[in-house]
Protein backbone atom coordinates (compact mmCIF):
# COMPACT_ATOMS: atom_id res chain seq x y z
CA MET A 1 -76.21 -19.70 18.61
CA VAL A 2 -73.22 -19.13 20.90
CA ALA A 3 -71.57 -15.71 20.76
CA ARG A 4 -68.33 -17.12 19.33
CA GLU A 5 -70.23 -18.94 16.57
CA ARG A 6 -72.19 -15.79 15.82
CA LEU A 7 -68.96 -13.76 15.61
CA GLU A 8 -67.40 -16.37 13.32
CA THR A 9 -70.50 -16.33 11.08
CA GLU A 10 -70.34 -12.53 10.88
CA LEU A 11 -66.60 -12.59 10.15
CA CYS A 12 -67.09 -15.18 7.41
CA THR A 13 -69.95 -13.25 5.85
CA LEU A 14 -67.87 -10.07 5.82
CA ALA A 15 -64.80 -11.88 4.49
CA GLN A 16 -66.88 -13.52 1.79
CA ALA A 17 -68.04 -10.06 0.74
CA GLY A 18 -64.39 -9.04 0.37
CA ASP A 19 -63.73 -7.36 3.75
CA ALA A 20 -59.95 -7.70 4.11
CA GLU A 21 -59.94 -6.93 7.85
CA ALA A 22 -62.50 -9.67 8.55
CA PHE A 23 -60.43 -12.12 6.53
CA ALA A 24 -57.27 -11.03 8.38
CA THR A 25 -59.06 -11.78 11.67
CA ILE A 26 -59.91 -15.28 10.40
CA VAL A 27 -56.27 -15.80 9.40
CA ARG A 28 -55.03 -14.70 12.84
CA ARG A 29 -57.56 -16.91 14.57
CA TYR A 30 -56.83 -20.09 12.57
CA GLN A 31 -53.22 -19.77 11.40
CA GLY A 32 -51.98 -21.97 14.27
CA PRO A 33 -54.31 -24.92 13.66
CA VAL A 34 -53.84 -24.71 9.88
CA TYR A 35 -50.04 -24.63 10.26
CA ARG A 36 -50.14 -27.62 12.63
CA ILE A 37 -52.24 -29.58 10.13
CA CYS A 38 -49.70 -28.81 7.41
CA LEU A 39 -46.85 -29.75 9.74
CA ARG A 40 -48.36 -33.22 10.16
CA TYR A 41 -47.75 -33.80 6.47
CA LEU A 42 -44.74 -31.67 5.54
CA SER A 43 -41.42 -30.32 6.81
CA ARG A 44 -41.48 -27.04 8.73
CA ALA A 45 -40.56 -24.86 5.75
CA ASP A 46 -43.03 -26.61 3.45
CA ALA A 47 -45.73 -26.47 6.14
CA GLU A 48 -45.32 -22.70 6.43
CA ASP A 49 -45.71 -22.34 2.66
CA ALA A 50 -48.69 -24.71 2.58
CA ALA A 51 -50.41 -22.87 5.44
CA GLN A 52 -49.93 -19.56 3.66
CA GLU A 53 -51.21 -21.07 0.43
CA THR A 54 -54.25 -22.38 2.33
CA PHE A 55 -55.30 -18.86 3.27
CA VAL A 56 -54.57 -17.50 -0.20
CA ARG A 57 -56.77 -20.20 -1.75
CA ALA A 58 -59.41 -19.67 0.91
CA PHE A 59 -59.54 -15.98 0.05
CA ILE A 60 -59.62 -16.60 -3.70
CA HIS A 61 -62.38 -19.21 -3.35
CA ARG A 62 -64.24 -17.57 -0.44
CA GLU A 63 -67.52 -17.66 -2.37
CA GLN A 64 -67.48 -21.47 -2.05
CA PHE A 65 -67.64 -21.29 1.73
CA ASP A 66 -70.97 -21.42 3.57
CA PRO A 67 -70.74 -18.80 6.37
CA ALA A 68 -73.38 -20.67 8.37
CA ARG A 69 -70.91 -23.54 8.89
CA PRO A 70 -67.72 -23.52 10.99
CA VAL A 71 -64.74 -22.22 9.04
CA LEU A 72 -62.00 -24.41 10.57
CA PRO A 73 -63.13 -27.69 8.94
CA TRP A 74 -63.23 -25.92 5.58
CA LEU A 75 -59.72 -24.53 6.09
CA VAL A 76 -58.48 -27.96 7.20
CA THR A 77 -59.91 -29.49 4.02
CA VAL A 78 -58.15 -26.86 1.88
CA ALA A 79 -54.87 -27.35 3.80
CA ARG A 80 -55.11 -31.12 3.56
CA HIS A 81 -55.60 -31.02 -0.21
CA ILE A 82 -52.63 -28.66 -0.61
CA CYS A 83 -50.40 -30.90 1.52
CA LEU A 84 -51.43 -34.08 -0.28
CA ASP A 85 -50.78 -32.39 -3.63
CA ARG A 86 -47.30 -31.37 -2.46
CA ILE A 87 -46.57 -34.87 -1.19
CA ARG A 88 -47.66 -36.41 -4.48
CA LYS A 89 -45.50 -33.97 -6.44
CA HIS A 90 -42.36 -33.93 -4.32
CA LYS A 91 -42.45 -36.96 -1.97
CA PRO A 92 -40.54 -35.05 0.78
CA GLU A 93 -39.16 -36.66 3.88
CA LEU A 94 -41.26 -35.73 6.91
CA ASP A 95 -39.37 -33.76 9.54
CA ALA A 96 -39.66 -35.73 12.79
CA ASP A 97 -38.07 -33.17 15.12
CA ILE A 98 -38.31 -35.21 18.32
CA ASP A 99 -35.71 -33.18 20.22
CA SER A 100 -37.97 -30.12 20.13
CA HIS A 101 -40.56 -32.06 22.15
CA VAL A 102 -38.19 -33.14 24.90
CA SER A 103 -35.57 -30.38 25.10
CA GLY A 104 -34.59 -29.33 28.60
CA ALA A 105 -35.47 -32.68 30.17
CA HIS A 106 -33.06 -34.88 32.12
CA PRO A 107 -30.95 -37.03 29.74
CA ASP A 108 -32.57 -40.27 30.93
CA ALA A 109 -36.02 -38.74 30.55
CA ARG A 110 -35.08 -37.58 27.04
CA LEU A 111 -34.07 -41.12 26.10
CA VAL A 112 -37.31 -42.56 27.43
CA ALA A 113 -39.34 -39.80 25.76
CA ARG A 114 -37.42 -40.20 22.49
CA ASP A 115 -38.09 -43.95 22.53
CA ALA A 116 -41.79 -43.44 23.29
CA LEU A 117 -42.15 -40.77 20.60
CA ASN A 118 -40.33 -42.96 18.09
CA ARG A 119 -42.65 -45.87 18.88
CA VAL A 120 -45.73 -43.64 18.49
CA ALA A 121 -44.38 -42.15 15.24
CA GLU A 122 -43.63 -45.61 13.90
CA GLY A 123 -47.06 -46.81 14.98
CA MET A 124 -48.75 -43.81 13.37
CA ALA A 125 -46.79 -44.41 10.16
CA THR A 126 -48.18 -47.94 9.93
CA LEU A 127 -51.80 -46.79 10.16
CA PRO A 128 -53.79 -46.46 6.96
CA ASP A 129 -53.85 -42.81 5.82
CA ASN A 130 -57.54 -42.29 6.57
CA GLU A 131 -57.22 -43.65 10.12
CA ARG A 132 -54.09 -41.60 10.82
CA GLU A 133 -55.70 -38.39 9.55
CA ALA A 134 -58.88 -38.86 11.58
CA LEU A 135 -56.91 -39.69 14.73
CA MET A 136 -54.60 -36.68 14.36
CA LEU A 137 -57.48 -34.30 13.72
CA PHE A 138 -59.30 -35.56 16.80
CA HIS A 139 -56.46 -35.85 19.32
CA GLN A 140 -53.91 -33.33 18.12
CA GLU A 141 -56.14 -30.63 16.68
CA GLY A 142 -59.13 -31.13 18.95
CA LEU A 143 -61.70 -31.22 16.15
CA SER A 144 -65.08 -32.76 16.85
CA TYR A 145 -66.39 -35.77 14.94
CA ALA A 146 -68.62 -33.43 12.92
CA GLU A 147 -65.70 -31.13 12.05
CA ILE A 148 -63.55 -34.10 11.03
CA SER A 149 -66.43 -35.41 8.94
CA ALA A 150 -66.64 -32.07 7.14
CA SER A 151 -62.85 -31.78 6.77
CA LEU A 152 -62.33 -35.25 5.35
CA GLU A 153 -65.63 -35.21 3.46
CA ILE A 154 -66.81 -38.52 4.93
CA PRO A 155 -69.82 -39.50 7.09
CA MET A 156 -69.52 -38.95 10.85
CA GLY A 157 -70.05 -42.67 11.52
CA THR A 158 -67.03 -43.40 9.34
CA VAL A 159 -64.99 -40.89 11.34
CA MET A 160 -65.90 -42.66 14.59
CA THR A 161 -65.02 -46.04 13.08
CA LEU A 162 -61.67 -44.78 11.76
CA ILE A 163 -60.71 -43.32 15.13
CA HIS A 164 -61.76 -46.47 16.96
CA ARG A 165 -59.76 -48.69 14.60
CA ALA A 166 -56.71 -46.42 14.75
CA ARG A 167 -56.72 -46.44 18.55
CA GLY A 168 -57.00 -50.22 18.59
CA ARG A 169 -54.14 -50.65 16.12
CA LEU A 170 -51.92 -48.21 18.00
CA LYS A 171 -52.67 -49.86 21.32
CA GLN A 172 -51.73 -53.22 19.86
CA LEU A 173 -48.56 -51.84 18.25
CA LEU A 174 -47.43 -49.97 21.35
CA GLN A 175 -47.88 -52.76 23.87
CA PRO A 176 -44.54 -54.07 25.06
CA THR A 177 -43.61 -57.37 23.52
CA PRO A 178 -43.48 -60.19 26.05
CA THR A 179 -39.99 -61.46 26.74
CA ALA A 180 -39.38 -65.17 26.75
CA SER A 181 -38.71 -66.45 30.24
CA LYS A 182 -35.24 -67.86 30.67
CA PRO A 183 -34.78 -71.19 32.43
CA THR A 184 -33.20 -70.80 35.86
CA ARG A 185 -29.79 -72.26 36.55
CA GLY A 186 -29.91 -75.83 37.67
CA ALA A 187 -33.41 -76.47 36.34
CA GLU A 188 -33.65 -79.74 34.46
CA ALA A 189 -35.76 -80.03 31.36
């Protein structure tokens, strides 16, 4: 067992026993990834609330966690359920703050980046939910296939298939559309 995994197992065991400092260490370690997961589903303000609620629920239900397993997939599962519940209840508009990704760039570069990000966002929005979730967890959060499998509660082979399909759909959607060639002046039909 790698030292980091051993430390995580010890932290989880202590937190499960009610050690507040061990749980606080887990929160500090994973608050960024949990917040980013929530931000994929919700506006910034709602994502902050959902991330906080994730850790509250994790603490309340800490006895359900197996300390021998990685904690991040479990937290992602909790966060995902909270976000989906909020979406079902409130149907909020997702905050697509593109300018924050390209601020400070040359105006032409911002236009190109804005267009590219819009195309990716539109492409991602057309993906089936399960494909989009698997793709985001893999590429944006850096989770392994096994961690995604645990987070989404699906077999690892299904995770690989979802990611493969999502990449194929996005590639197809993001390819430039061919322009029709215009007849040259003086050409006879």
